[in-house]
């Protein structure tokens, strides 16, 4: 089979067209993806550096979700504590009123006192987020990791505000002195304390001879309010820590992704100009190939 001979000018024009076609394909890929480095072939160093930064950003994005959920868990506890604080103030108001009430009125107030107490205990038990309750048991722990490569994390241990053991550190009503205890069945047990036992407001006496018991109850409630605010402060400080870490993670992820983009993103204005230039070169190459063919046709015409 005879080979078709091409002139040097034709071969040069064809090679130029092939090169222009390859460059045009690369430019169109950059314009469609927005990246100048899409594979190892484009630029191995920039590709792997950019991928390392992107992978680290992805790892921190996963941690960011955990931090977000941790903030929600703490917030649910804080919201419950705010409600408990409001109920404790109502509880205190009931006792204050009972000091000057008749026996019949005190019986009604005692029922109201028990109901509010029950609601406090139930509210504490209901303050759960995704199965985790940070104010109803010391066995609950919120464990949040901030990084994949380091041991950076925070562990927040829960509080048992419904603890009914006398002298328990976490409980609202079982500290030293006169106390108000809510049992494990979430029912009112009574006001107990050192040398003081009062099962109901009727124990104040018809002549208010034991009215000091009301003052003891009020002191216990004040202690409970202080305890609620102390726990709120501790949980709130942890929310602040998590929010700071969340803000840092957002900024860090943006920095990592921005660094990767600097290595791999294409300048769309430049690539657009390149495409126009390549299209022009392609047209000139075709014309050059056509001219070379016309020269051969001229020689053939002379031979005829």
Protein backbone atom coordinates (compact mmCIF):
# COMPACT_ATOMS: atom_id res chain seq x y z
CA UNK A 1 0.00 0.00 0.00
CA UNK A 2 1.48 3.30 -1.06
CA UNK A 3 2.08 5.91 1.64
CA UNK A 4 0.68 9.38 1.26
CA UNK A 5 3.46 11.90 1.36
CA UNK A 6 2.90 15.18 3.14
CA UNK A 7 4.98 18.25 2.73
CA UNK A 8 6.89 19.75 5.63
CA UNK A 9 4.46 22.68 5.69
CA UNK A 10 1.46 20.34 5.89
CA UNK A 11 3.01 18.29 8.72
CA UNK A 12 3.82 21.47 10.64
CA UNK A 13 0.28 22.76 10.14
CA UNK A 14 -1.22 19.43 11.32
CA UNK A 15 0.97 19.31 14.42
CA UNK A 16 -0.01 22.88 15.23
CA UNK A 17 -3.72 21.99 14.87
CA UNK A 18 -3.31 18.95 17.15
CA UNK A 19 -1.54 21.07 19.78
CA UNK A 20 -4.22 23.76 19.54
CA UNK A 21 -6.94 21.10 19.87
CA UNK A 22 -5.31 19.69 23.04
CA UNK A 23 -4.94 23.15 24.54
CA UNK A 24 -8.54 23.98 23.59
CA UNK A 25 -9.82 20.82 25.31
CA UNK A 26 -7.83 21.66 28.46
CA UNK A 27 -9.14 25.23 28.49
CA UNK A 28 -12.74 24.11 28.02
CA UNK A 29 -12.31 21.63 30.91
CA UNK A 30 -11.00 24.42 33.14
CA UNK A 31 -13.90 26.67 32.17
CA UNK A 32 -16.48 23.93 32.85
CA UNK A 33 -14.99 22.82 36.19
CA UNK A 34 -13.62 26.18 37.32
CA UNK A 35 -10.31 24.51 38.19
CA UNK A 36 -6.92 24.61 36.51
CA UNK A 37 -5.83 21.44 38.35
CA UNK A 38 -8.33 18.61 37.93
CA UNK A 39 -6.01 15.62 38.13
CA UNK A 40 -2.46 14.59 38.97
CA UNK A 41 -1.53 14.99 35.30
CA UNK A 42 -2.30 18.73 35.37
CA UNK A 43 0.06 19.51 38.29
CA UNK A 44 1.00 16.74 40.71
CA UNK A 45 2.36 19.02 43.44
CA UNK A 46 -0.58 21.44 43.43
CA UNK A 47 -3.06 18.55 43.15
CA UNK A 48 -1.83 16.72 46.25
CA UNK A 49 -1.33 19.90 48.27
CA UNK A 50 -4.86 21.02 47.43
CA UNK A 51 -6.29 17.57 48.18
CA UNK A 52 -4.57 17.51 51.58
CA UNK A 53 -6.12 20.87 52.48
CA UNK A 54 -9.56 19.81 51.21
CA UNK A 55 -9.44 16.52 53.14
CA UNK A 56 -8.55 18.34 56.36
CA UNK A 57 -11.40 20.80 55.77
CA UNK A 58 -13.78 17.82 55.36
CA UNK A 59 -12.55 16.31 58.64
CA UNK A 60 -13.22 19.56 60.49
CA UNK A 61 -16.64 19.87 58.86
CA UNK A 62 -17.54 16.54 60.45
CA UNK A 63 -16.37 17.83 63.84
CA UNK A 64 -18.37 21.02 63.31
CA UNK A 65 -21.59 18.99 63.19
CA UNK A 66 -20.69 17.39 66.54
CA UNK A 67 -19.99 20.80 68.10
CA UNK A 68 -23.33 22.08 66.80
CA UNK A 69 -25.16 19.15 68.38
CA UNK A 70 -23.28 19.67 71.64
CA UNK A 71 -24.43 23.29 71.76
CA UNK A 72 -28.02 22.13 71.21
CA UNK A 73 -27.70 19.58 74.02
CA UNK A 74 -26.39 22.21 76.44
CA UNK A 75 -29.01 24.71 75.31
CA UNK A 76 -31.82 22.24 76.08
CA UNK A 77 -30.44 21.92 79.61
CA UNK A 78 -30.13 25.69 80.00
CA UNK A 79 -33.71 26.20 78.82
CA UNK A 80 -34.91 23.64 81.37
CA UNK A 81 -32.93 25.33 84.15
CA UNK A 82 -34.50 28.66 83.28
CA UNK A 83 -37.94 27.08 83.60
CA UNK A 84 -36.95 25.40 86.90
CA UNK A 85 -35.78 28.76 88.24
CA UNK A 86 -39.20 30.21 87.42
CA UNK A 87 -40.99 27.32 89.16
CA UNK A 88 -38.79 27.65 92.25
CA UNK A 89 -39.78 31.29 92.52
CA UNK A 90 -43.42 30.20 92.37
CA UNK A 91 -42.67 27.61 95.05
CA UNK A 92 -41.17 30.28 97.26
CA UNK A 93 -44.19 32.49 96.70
CA UNK A 94 -46.52 29.71 97.83
CA UNK A 95 -44.60 29.29 101.10
CA UNK A 96 -44.51 33.03 101.69
CA UNK A 97 -48.28 33.21 101.24
CA UNK A 98 -48.87 30.24 103.53
CA UNK A 99 -47.26 32.07 106.43
CA UNK A 100 -50.28 34.34 106.75
CA UNK A 101 -53.06 31.98 105.61
CA UNK A 102 -55.78 30.15 107.48
CA UNK A 103 -55.61 26.40 108.04
CA UNK A 104 -58.01 25.73 105.14
CA UNK A 105 -56.01 27.99 102.83
CA UNK A 106 -52.81 26.29 103.85
CA UNK A 107 -54.22 22.92 102.87
CA UNK A 108 -54.83 24.24 99.35
CA UNK A 109 -51.41 25.88 99.26
CA UNK A 110 -49.83 22.63 100.36
CA UNK A 111 -51.40 20.84 97.37
CA UNK A 112 -50.15 23.62 95.08
CA UNK A 113 -46.69 23.30 96.62
CA UNK A 114 -46.63 19.56 95.96
CA UNK A 115 -47.80 20.02 92.36
CA UNK A 116 -45.14 22.62 91.59
CA UNK A 117 -42.53 20.39 93.21
CA UNK A 118 -43.64 17.46 91.06
CA UNK A 119 -43.49 19.63 87.94
CA UNK A 120 -39.95 20.71 88.80
CA UNK A 121 -38.79 17.11 89.09
CA UNK A 122 -40.61 16.07 85.91
CA UNK A 123 -39.24 19.04 83.97
CA UNK A 124 -35.69 18.07 84.97
CA UNK A 125 -36.32 14.52 83.74
CA UNK A 126 -37.76 15.82 80.44
CA UNK A 127 -34.74 17.98 79.55
CA UNK A 128 -33.24 15.37 77.24
CA UNK A 129 -31.64 15.96 73.84
CA UNK A 130 -30.96 12.91 71.65
CA UNK A 131 -31.14 10.70 74.73
CA UNK A 132 -28.69 12.78 76.76
CA UNK A 133 -29.87 14.62 79.86
CA UNK A 134 -27.20 16.74 81.52
CA UNK A 135 -29.28 17.81 84.54
CA UNK A 136 -30.92 14.58 85.68
CA UNK A 137 -27.98 12.21 86.16
CA UNK A 138 -24.28 12.46 86.99
CA UNK A 139 -23.72 9.44 84.75
CA UNK A 140 -24.36 11.47 81.59
CA UNK A 141 -21.33 12.86 79.76
CA UNK A 142 -21.19 15.06 76.70
CA UNK A 143 -17.96 14.22 74.87
CA UNK A 144 -17.07 16.39 71.88
CA UNK A 145 -13.91 16.05 69.78
CA UNK A 146 -12.59 19.17 68.08
CA UNK A 147 -9.97 17.58 65.83
CA UNK A 148 -9.18 14.33 64.02
CA UNK A 149 -5.43 14.36 64.41
CA UNK A 150 -5.10 15.54 68.01
CA UNK A 151 -6.68 14.78 71.38
CA UNK A 152 -8.38 18.17 71.42
CA UNK A 153 -11.81 17.62 72.99
CA UNK A 154 -14.13 18.62 75.83
CA UNK A 155 -16.02 16.37 78.24
CA UNK A 156 -18.95 17.79 80.17
CA UNK A 157 -20.30 15.74 83.08
CA UNK A 158 -23.99 15.96 83.93
CA UNK A 159 -25.68 16.95 87.20
CA UNK A 160 -28.37 15.06 89.12
CA UNK A 161 -30.70 17.81 90.31
CA UNK A 162 -33.33 15.22 91.28
CA UNK A 163 -31.00 13.28 93.56
CA UNK A 164 -32.89 12.35 96.76
CA UNK A 165 -29.97 11.26 98.93
CA UNK A 166 -29.48 13.59 101.88
CA UNK A 167 -26.31 15.62 101.50
CA UNK A 168 -25.92 14.95 97.74
CA UNK A 169 -23.83 17.65 96.11
CA UNK A 170 -25.90 18.03 92.94
CA UNK A 171 -29.47 17.86 94.20
CA UNK A 172 -31.59 20.97 94.47
CA UNK A 173 -33.17 19.99 97.78
CA UNK A 174 -30.95 17.60 99.71
CA UNK A 175 -28.12 19.80 100.86
CA UNK A 176 -27.34 20.53 104.48
CA UNK A 177 -29.95 22.18 106.65
CA UNK A 178 -33.67 22.30 105.99
CA UNK A 179 -34.45 20.67 102.67
CA UNK A 180 -37.30 19.93 100.35
CA UNK A 181 -36.99 16.48 98.80
CA UNK A 182 -38.75 15.10 95.74
CA UNK A 183 -38.76 11.32 95.64
CA UNK A 184 -37.72 9.01 92.82
CA UNK A 185 -41.40 8.62 91.88
CA UNK A 186 -41.46 12.37 91.21
CA UNK A 187 -43.84 12.95 94.11
CA UNK A 188 -43.47 15.40 96.98
CA UNK A 189 -41.89 13.75 100.02
CA UNK A 190 -41.76 16.62 102.46
CA UNK A 191 -39.58 19.25 104.02
CA UNK A 192 -36.86 17.64 106.10
CA UNK A 193 -33.80 18.94 107.81
CA UNK A 194 -31.68 18.95 110.89
CA UNK A 195 -34.01 19.07 113.93
CA UNK A 196 -36.90 20.08 111.66
CA UNK A 197 -39.59 17.86 110.19
CA UNK A 198 -42.60 19.36 108.47
CA UNK A 199 -44.85 17.24 106.26
CA UNK A 200 -47.22 20.03 105.29
CA UNK A 201 -48.00 23.69 105.83
CA UNK A 202 -50.47 22.72 108.55
CA UNK A 203 -47.36 22.09 110.64
CA UNK A 204 -46.95 25.85 111.00
CA UNK A 205 -49.51 25.63 113.79
CA UNK A 206 -52.82 27.45 114.22
CA UNK A 207 -51.06 30.18 116.13
CA UNK A 208 -48.03 30.14 113.82
CA UNK A 209 -45.98 28.74 116.67
CA UNK A 210 -43.82 26.83 114.16
CA UNK A 211 -43.74 29.52 111.48
CA UNK A 212 -39.94 29.31 111.52
CA UNK A 213 -40.39 26.09 109.57
CA UNK A 214 -41.65 28.23 106.67
CA UNK A 215 -38.49 30.30 106.89
CA UNK A 216 -36.44 27.10 106.79
CA UNK A 217 -38.36 26.00 103.68
CA UNK A 218 -37.78 29.38 102.04
CA UNK A 219 -34.07 29.15 102.85
CA UNK A 220 -33.97 25.68 101.23
CA UNK A 221 -35.70 27.03 98.12
CA UNK A 222 -33.28 29.95 97.98
CA UNK A 223 -30.44 27.44 98.14
CA UNK A 224 -32.08 25.50 95.29
CA UNK A 225 -32.35 28.68 93.20
CA UNK A 226 -28.67 29.38 93.85
CA UNK A 227 -27.84 25.82 92.81
CA UNK A 228 -29.83 26.17 89.59
CA UNK A 229 -28.04 29.36 88.72
CA UNK A 230 -24.67 27.78 89.52
CA UNK A 231 -25.36 24.86 87.19
CA UNK A 232 -26.65 27.27 84.55
CA UNK A 233 -23.42 29.23 84.83
CA UNK A 234 -21.33 26.10 84.34
CA UNK A 235 -23.33 24.89 81.36
CA UNK A 236 -23.40 28.41 79.93
CA UNK A 237 -19.60 28.70 80.11
CA UNK A 238 -19.35 25.42 78.21
CA UNK A 239 -21.73 26.75 75.57
CA UNK A 240 -19.43 29.76 75.19
CA UNK A 241 -16.44 27.43 74.75
CA UNK A 242 -18.26 25.35 72.14
CA UNK A 243 -19.45 28.45 70.29
CA UNK A 244 -15.87 29.76 70.20
CA UNK A 245 -14.64 26.43 68.85
CA UNK A 246 -17.46 26.40 66.31
CA UNK A 247 -16.56 29.90 65.10
CA UNK A 248 -12.89 28.89 64.89
CA UNK A 249 -13.78 25.73 62.96
CA UNK A 250 -15.86 27.73 60.48
CA UNK A 251 -13.00 30.15 59.91
CA UNK A 252 -10.41 27.37 59.77
CA UNK A 253 -12.41 25.39 57.22
CA UNK A 254 -12.74 28.52 55.09
CA UNK A 255 -8.98 29.07 55.32
CA UNK A 256 -8.24 25.46 54.32
CA UNK A 257 -10.66 25.53 51.40
CA UNK A 258 -9.36 28.96 50.35
CA UNK A 259 -5.80 27.64 50.38
CA UNK A 260 -6.82 24.68 48.24
CA UNK A 261 -8.64 26.99 45.82
CA UNK A 262 -5.53 29.15 45.42
CA UNK A 263 -3.66 26.06 44.24
CA UNK A 264 -6.32 24.61 41.97
CA UNK A 265 -8.86 27.22 40.86
CA UNK A 266 -8.62 28.63 37.36
CA UNK A 267 -8.75 32.30 36.38
CA UNK A 268 -11.91 32.23 34.30
CA UNK A 269 -11.10 35.55 32.63
CA UNK A 270 -7.70 34.27 31.57
CA UNK A 271 -9.09 30.93 30.42
CA UNK A 272 -11.82 32.69 28.43
CA UNK A 273 -9.20 34.81 26.67
CA UNK A 274 -7.11 31.68 26.05
CA UNK A 275 -10.08 29.95 24.42
CA UNK A 276 -10.65 32.88 22.05
CA UNK A 277 -6.94 32.91 21.17
CA UNK A 278 -6.91 29.16 20.58
CA UNK A 279 -9.94 29.37 18.35
CA UNK A 280 -8.13 32.04 16.33
CA UNK A 281 -5.00 29.88 16.12
CA UNK A 282 -7.12 26.93 15.04
CA UNK A 283 -8.65 28.94 12.21
CA UNK A 284 -5.19 30.14 11.13
CA UNK A 285 -3.89 26.59 11.23
CA UNK A 286 -6.69 25.38 8.99
CA UNK A 287 -5.98 28.23 6.59
CA UNK A 288 -2.25 27.35 6.64
CA UNK A 289 -3.05 23.74 5.84
CA UNK A 290 -5.32 24.88 3.05
CA UNK A 291 -2.60 27.11 1.60
CA UNK A 292 -0.12 24.24 1.67
CA UNK A 293 -2.62 22.08 -0.24
CA UNK A 294 -3.17 24.82 -2.78
CA UNK A 295 0.57 24.94 -3.46
CA UNK A 296 0.55 21.26 -4.38
CA UNK A 297 -2.45 21.82 -6.63
CA UNK A 298 -0.56 24.67 -8.41
CA UNK A 299 2.42 22.38 -9.07
CA UNK A 300 0.08 19.70 -10.40
CA UNK A 301 -1.53 22.23 -12.75
CA UNK A 302 1.90 23.12 -14.15
CA UNK A 303 2.64 19.46 -14.86
CA UNK A 304 -0.57 19.10 -16.77
